[in-house]
PDB file of N, CA and C in Angstrom:
ATOM      1  N   MET A   1      14.070 -69.323 -56.548  1.00  0.00           N
ATOM      2  CA  MET A   1      13.440 -68.130 -57.104  1.00  0.00           C
ATOM      3  C   MET A   1      12.902 -68.363 -58.517  1.00  0.00           C
ATOM      4  N   LYS A   2      13.140 -69.528 -59.071  1.00  0.00           N
ATOM      5  CA  LYS A   2      12.680 -69.810 -60.428  1.00  0.00           C
ATOM      6  C   LYS A   2      11.155 -69.747 -60.499  1.00  0.00           C
ATOM      7  N   GLY A   3      10.483 -70.221 -59.464  1.00  0.00           N
ATOM      8  CA  GLY A   3       9.023 -70.173 -59.460  1.00  0.00           C
ATOM      9  C   GLY A   3       8.483 -68.763 -59.497  1.00  0.00           C
ATOM     10  N   TRP A   4       9.126 -67.859 -58.767  1.00  0.00           N
ATOM     11  CA  TRP A   4       8.676 -66.470 -58.750  1.00  0.00           C
ATOM     12  C   TRP A   4       8.925 -65.785 -60.088  1.00  0.00           C
ATOM     13  N   GLU A   5      10.031 -66.119 -60.736  1.00  0.00           N
ATOM     14  CA  GLU A   5      10.300 -65.538 -62.053  1.00  0.00           C
ATOM     15  C   GLU A   5       9.230 -65.966 -63.056  1.00  0.00           C
ATOM     16  N   LEU A   6       8.837 -67.219 -62.985  1.00  0.00           N
ATOM     17  CA  LEU A   6       7.782 -67.717 -63.870  1.00  0.00           C
ATOM     18  C   LEU A   6       6.449 -67.030 -63.569  1.00  0.00           C
ATOM     19  N   ALA A   7       6.151 -66.837 -62.297  1.00  0.00           N
ATOM     20  CA  ALA A   7       4.909 -66.157 -61.911  1.00  0.00           C
ATOM     21  C   ALA A   7       4.926 -64.700 -62.367  1.00  0.00           C
ATOM     22  N   ASN A   8       6.066 -64.033 -62.221  1.00  0.00           N
ATOM     23  CA  ASN A   8       6.163 -62.637 -62.651  1.00  0.00           C
ATOM     24  C   ASN A   8       6.030 -62.512 -64.162  1.00  0.00           C
ATOM     25  N   GLN A   9       6.589 -63.451 -64.888  1.00  0.00           N
ATOM     26  CA  GLN A   9       6.469 -63.423 -66.341  1.00  0.00           C
ATOM     27  C   GLN A   9       5.014 -63.662 -66.757  1.00  0.00           C
ATOM     28  N   ALA A  10       4.346 -64.588 -66.104  1.00  0.00           N
ATOM     29  CA  ALA A  10       2.937 -64.844 -66.406  1.00  0.00           C
ATOM     30  C   ALA A  10       2.086 -63.610 -66.098  1.00  0.00           C
ATOM     31  N   LEU A  11       2.395 -62.934 -65.017  1.00  0.00           N
ATOM     32  CA  LEU A  11       1.663 -61.720 -64.651  1.00  0.00           C
ATOM     33  C   LEU A  11       1.893 -60.620 -65.675  1.00  0.00           C
ATOM     34  N   LEU A  12       3.123 -60.487 -66.148  1.00  0.00           N
ATOM     35  CA  LEU A  12       3.430 -59.494 -67.172  1.00  0.00           C
ATOM     36  C   LEU A  12       2.648 -59.766 -68.453  1.00  0.00           C
ATOM     37  N   TRP A  13       2.619 -61.021 -68.907  1.00  0.00           N
ATOM     38  CA  TRP A  13       1.863 -61.371 -70.108  1.00  0.00           C
ATOM     39  C   TRP A  13       0.370 -61.114 -69.916  1.00  0.00           C
ATOM     40  N   ASN A  14      -0.142 -61.396 -68.724  1.00  0.00           N
ATOM     41  CA  ASN A  14      -1.546 -61.140 -68.431  1.00  0.00           C
ATOM     42  C   ASN A  14      -1.849 -59.646 -68.509  1.00  0.00           C
ATOM     43  N   ASP A  15      -0.979 -58.830 -67.927  1.00  0.00           N
ATOM     44  CA  ASP A  15      -1.177 -57.379 -67.964  1.00  0.00           C
ATOM     45  C   ASP A  15      -1.122 -56.843 -69.402  1.00  0.00           C
ATOM     46  N   LEU A  16      -0.169 -57.328 -70.180  1.00  0.00           N
ATOM     47  CA  LEU A  16      -0.065 -56.890 -71.570  1.00  0.00           C
ATOM     48  C   LEU A  16      -1.295 -57.302 -72.377  1.00  0.00           C
ATOM     49  N   PHE A  17      -1.815 -58.494 -72.114  1.00  0.00           N
ATOM     50  CA  PHE A  17      -3.020 -58.952 -72.796  1.00  0.00           C
ATOM     51  C   PHE A  17      -4.215 -58.066 -72.434  1.00  0.00           C
ATOM     52  N   LEU A  18      -4.348 -57.703 -71.161  1.00  0.00           N
ATOM     53  CA  LEU A  18      -5.451 -56.833 -70.746  1.00  0.00           C
ATOM     54  C   LEU A  18      -5.334 -55.443 -71.370  1.00  0.00           C
ATOM     55  N   ILE A  19      -4.117 -54.929 -71.461  1.00  0.00           N
ATOM     56  CA  ILE A  19      -3.912 -53.631 -72.110  1.00  0.00           C
ATOM     57  C   ILE A  19      -4.301 -53.711 -73.576  1.00  0.00           C
ATOM     58  N   LEU A  20      -3.927 -54.799 -74.245  1.00  0.00           N
ATOM     59  CA  LEU A  20      -4.280 -54.986 -75.651  1.00  0.00           C
ATOM     60  C   LEU A  20      -5.790 -55.062 -75.843  1.00  0.00           C
ATOM     61  N   ILE A  21      -6.471 -55.792 -74.974  1.00  0.00           N
ATOM     62  CA  ILE A  21      -7.930 -55.907 -75.066  1.00  0.00           C
ATOM     63  C   ILE A  21      -8.594 -54.542 -74.878  1.00  0.00           C
ATOM     64  N   HIS A  22      -8.164 -53.804 -73.866  1.00  0.00           N
ATOM     65  CA  HIS A  22      -8.763 -52.494 -73.614  1.00  0.00           C
ATOM     66  C   HIS A  22      -8.445 -51.507 -74.736  1.00  0.00           C
ATOM     67  N   ALA A  23      -7.227 -51.538 -75.248  1.00  0.00           N
ATOM     68  CA  ALA A  23      -6.872 -50.644 -76.356  1.00  0.00           C
ATOM     69  C   ALA A  23      -7.700 -50.970 -77.596  1.00  0.00           C
ATOM     70  N   THR A  24      -7.938 -52.252 -77.844  1.00  0.00           N
ATOM     71  CA  THR A  24      -8.760 -52.653 -78.985  1.00  0.00           C
ATOM     72  C   THR A  24     -10.201 -52.178 -78.818  1.00  0.00           C
ATOM     73  N   LEU A  25     -10.744 -52.335 -77.623  1.00  0.00           N
ATOM     74  CA  LEU A  25     -12.105 -51.853 -77.370  1.00  0.00           C
ATOM     75  C   LEU A  25     -12.208 -50.342 -77.546  1.00  0.00           C
ATOM     76  N   ILE A  26     -11.213 -49.615 -77.043  1.00  0.00           N
ATOM     77  CA  ILE A  26     -11.229 -48.164 -77.194  1.00  0.00           C
ATOM     78  C   ILE A  26     -11.125 -47.780 -78.662  1.00  0.00           C
ATOM     79  N   TYR A  27     -10.305 -48.502 -79.411  1.00  0.00           N
ATOM     80  CA  TYR A  27     -10.146 -48.202 -80.836  1.00  0.00           C
ATOM     81  C   TYR A  27     -11.452 -48.415 -81.602  1.00  0.00           C
ATOM     82  N   PHE A  28     -12.131 -49.519 -81.348  1.00  0.00           N
ATOM     83  CA  PHE A  28     -13.336 -49.845 -82.108  1.00  0.00           C
ATOM     84  C   PHE A  28     -14.589 -49.151 -81.582  1.00  0.00           C
ATOM     85  N   LEU A  29     -14.697 -48.959 -80.277  1.00  0.00           N
ATOM     86  CA  LEU A  29     -15.904 -48.345 -79.709  1.00  0.00           C
ATOM     87  C   LEU A  29     -15.783 -46.844 -79.512  1.00  0.00           C
ATOM     88  N   GLY A  30     -14.563 -46.374 -79.357  1.00  0.00           N
ATOM     89  CA  GLY A  30     -14.342 -44.971 -79.021  1.00  0.00           C
ATOM     90  C   GLY A  30     -14.176 -44.819 -77.523  1.00  0.00           C
ATOM     91  N   TRP A  31     -13.416 -43.806 -77.119  1.00  0.00           N
ATOM     92  CA  TRP A  31     -13.121 -43.672 -75.693  1.00  0.00           C
ATOM     93  C   TRP A  31     -14.350 -43.214 -74.907  1.00  0.00           C
ATOM     94  N   GLN A  32     -15.277 -42.491 -75.555  1.00  0.00           N
ATOM     95  CA  GLN A  32     -16.468 -42.047 -74.831  1.00  0.00           C
ATOM     96  C   GLN A  32     -17.348 -43.228 -74.449  1.00  0.00           C
ATOM     97  N   ALA A  33     -17.594 -44.135 -75.379  1.00  0.00           N
ATOM     98  CA  ALA A  33     -18.425 -45.303 -75.090  1.00  0.00           C
ATOM     99  C   ALA A  33     -17.730 -46.214 -74.078  1.00  0.00           C
ATOM    100  N   PHE A  34     -16.438 -46.374 -74.236  1.00  0.00           N
ATOM    101  CA  PHE A  34     -15.671 -47.197 -73.299  1.00  0.00           C
ATOM    102  C   PHE A  34     -15.773 -46.629 -71.883  1.00  0.00           C
ATOM    103  N   THR A  35     -15.631 -45.315 -71.756  1.00  0.00           N
ATOM    104  CA  THR A  35     -15.714 -44.671 -70.448  1.00  0.00           C
ATOM    105  C   THR A  35     -17.123 -44.757 -69.878  1.00  0.00           C
ATOM    106  N   ARG A  36     -18.144 -44.602 -70.735  1.00  0.00           N
ATOM    107  CA  ARG A  36     -19.528 -44.700 -70.267  1.00  0.00           C
ATOM    108  C   ARG A  36     -19.846 -46.071 -69.693  1.00  0.00           C
ATOM    109  N   VAL A  37     -19.218 -47.093 -70.200  1.00  0.00           N
ATOM    110  CA  VAL A  37     -19.453 -48.440 -69.693  1.00  0.00           C
ATOM    111  C   VAL A  37     -18.616 -48.710 -68.450  1.00  0.00           C
ATOM    112  N   HIS A  38     -17.345 -48.335 -68.470  1.00  0.00           N
ATOM    113  CA  HIS A  38     -16.433 -48.725 -67.397  1.00  0.00           C
ATOM    114  C   HIS A  38     -16.453 -47.808 -66.179  1.00  0.00           C
ATOM    115  N   PHE A  39     -16.800 -46.538 -66.341  1.00  0.00           N
ATOM    116  CA  PHE A  39     -16.776 -45.623 -65.198  1.00  0.00           C
ATOM    117  C   PHE A  39     -17.757 -46.015 -64.098  1.00  0.00           C
ATOM    118  N   PRO A  40     -19.010 -46.343 -64.402  1.00  0.00           N
ATOM    119  CA  PRO A  40     -19.916 -46.754 -63.316  1.00  0.00           C
ATOM    120  C   PRO A  40     -19.446 -48.023 -62.602  1.00  0.00           C
ATOM    121  N   ILE A  41     -18.861 -48.949 -63.352  1.00  0.00           N
ATOM    122  CA  ILE A  41     -18.358 -50.174 -62.739  1.00  0.00           C
ATOM    123  C   ILE A  41     -17.213 -49.846 -61.784  1.00  0.00           C
ATOM    124  N   LEU A  42     -16.266 -49.027 -62.238  1.00  0.00           N
ATOM    125  CA  LEU A  42     -15.144 -48.637 -61.387  1.00  0.00           C
ATOM    126  C   LEU A  42     -15.620 -47.853 -60.168  1.00  0.00           C
ATOM    127  N   LEU A  43     -16.617 -47.005 -60.348  1.00  0.00           N
ATOM    128  CA  LEU A  43     -17.144 -46.223 -59.238  1.00  0.00           C
ATOM    129  C   LEU A  43     -17.787 -47.118 -58.183  1.00  0.00           C
ATOM    130  N   CYS A  44     -18.583 -48.081 -58.619  1.00  0.00           N
ATOM    131  CA  CYS A  44     -19.237 -49.000 -57.675  1.00  0.00           C
ATOM    132  C   CYS A  44     -18.222 -49.843 -56.919  1.00  0.00           C
ATOM    133  N   PHE A  45     -17.299 -50.469 -57.636  1.00  0.00           N
ATOM    134  CA  PHE A  45     -16.328 -51.321 -56.968  1.00  0.00           C
ATOM    135  C   PHE A  45     -15.335 -50.520 -56.140  1.00  0.00           C
ATOM    136  N   GLY A  46     -15.017 -49.299 -56.555  1.00  0.00           N
ATOM    137  CA  GLY A  46     -14.163 -48.439 -55.742  1.00  0.00           C
ATOM    138  C   GLY A  46     -14.846 -48.069 -54.434  1.00  0.00           C
ATOM    139  N   THR A  47     -16.143 -47.779 -54.492  1.00  0.00           N
ATOM    140  CA  THR A  47     -16.902 -47.466 -53.286  1.00  0.00           C
ATOM    141  C   THR A  47     -16.942 -48.662 -52.345  1.00  0.00           C
ATOM    142  N   ILE A  48     -17.169 -49.847 -52.887  1.00  0.00           N
ATOM    143  CA  ILE A  48     -17.189 -51.054 -52.062  1.00  0.00           C
ATOM    144  C   ILE A  48     -15.821 -51.300 -51.436  1.00  0.00           C
ATOM    145  N   ALA A  49     -14.753 -51.101 -52.205  1.00  0.00           N
ATOM    146  CA  ALA A  49     -13.396 -51.317 -51.678  1.00  0.00           C
ATOM    147  C   ALA A  49     -13.095 -50.367 -50.531  1.00  0.00           C
ATOM    148  N   ILE A  50     -13.468 -49.104 -50.670  1.00  0.00           N
ATOM    149  CA  ILE A  50     -13.241 -48.140 -49.586  1.00  0.00           C
ATOM    150  C   ILE A  50     -14.097 -48.498 -48.381  1.00  0.00           C
ATOM    151  N   TRP A  51     -15.327 -48.938 -48.616  1.00  0.00           N
ATOM    152  CA  TRP A  51     -16.209 -49.335 -47.536  1.00  0.00           C
ATOM    153  C   TRP A  51     -15.579 -50.472 -46.741  1.00  0.00           C
ATOM    154  N   PHE A  52     -15.088 -51.507 -47.432  1.00  0.00           N
ATOM    155  CA  PHE A  52     -14.458 -52.620 -46.731  1.00  0.00           C
ATOM    156  C   PHE A  52     -13.161 -52.203 -46.041  1.00  0.00           C
ATOM    157  N   LEU A  53     -12.428 -51.289 -46.643  1.00  0.00           N
ATOM    158  CA  LEU A  53     -11.189 -50.819 -46.037  1.00  0.00           C
ATOM    159  C   LEU A  53     -11.485 -50.083 -44.735  1.00  0.00           C
ATOM    160  N   CYS A  54     -12.525 -49.269 -44.737  1.00  0.00           N
ATOM    161  CA  CYS A  54     -12.872 -48.508 -43.533  1.00  0.00           C
ATOM    162  C   CYS A  54     -13.526 -49.395 -42.475  1.00  0.00           C
ATOM    163  N   ALA A  55     -14.210 -50.455 -42.900  1.00  0.00           N
ATOM    164  CA  ALA A  55     -14.894 -51.327 -41.963  1.00  0.00           C
ATOM    165  C   ALA A  55     -13.986 -52.413 -41.411  1.00  0.00           C
ATOM    166  N   ALA A  56     -12.785 -52.536 -41.926  1.00  0.00           N
ATOM    167  CA  ALA A  56     -11.872 -53.584 -41.469  1.00  0.00           C
ATOM    168  C   ALA A  56     -11.427 -53.312 -40.037  1.00  0.00           C
ATOM    169  N   PRO A  57     -11.361 -54.352 -39.228  1.00  0.00           N
ATOM    170  CA  PRO A  57     -10.893 -54.146 -37.852  1.00  0.00           C
ATOM    171  C   PRO A  57      -9.429 -53.749 -37.829  1.00  0.00           C
ATOM    172  N   THR A  58      -9.099 -52.894 -36.906  1.00  0.00           N
ATOM    173  CA  THR A  58      -7.703 -52.403 -36.831  1.00  0.00           C
ATOM    174  C   THR A  58      -6.880 -53.204 -35.857  1.00  0.00           C
TER     175      THR A  58
END
C-alpha cells in the first residue's frame, strides 16, 4: 500500500496547488473576470461530458 499512499499524497499536493493558483487568479483579476473566463469553458466541457455519458453503450 506504500505506492498508493505516495500517489494519494501527490494528488493532495496537486489539488492544493490548483486551489492556490485559482485563488491567486481570483485575488488579482477579481471573481467576475475569473467567472467570465471559466464559465464558458466549464459549460462547453460539461455539455460534452454529458453527451458522451448519454451516448455510451449500456
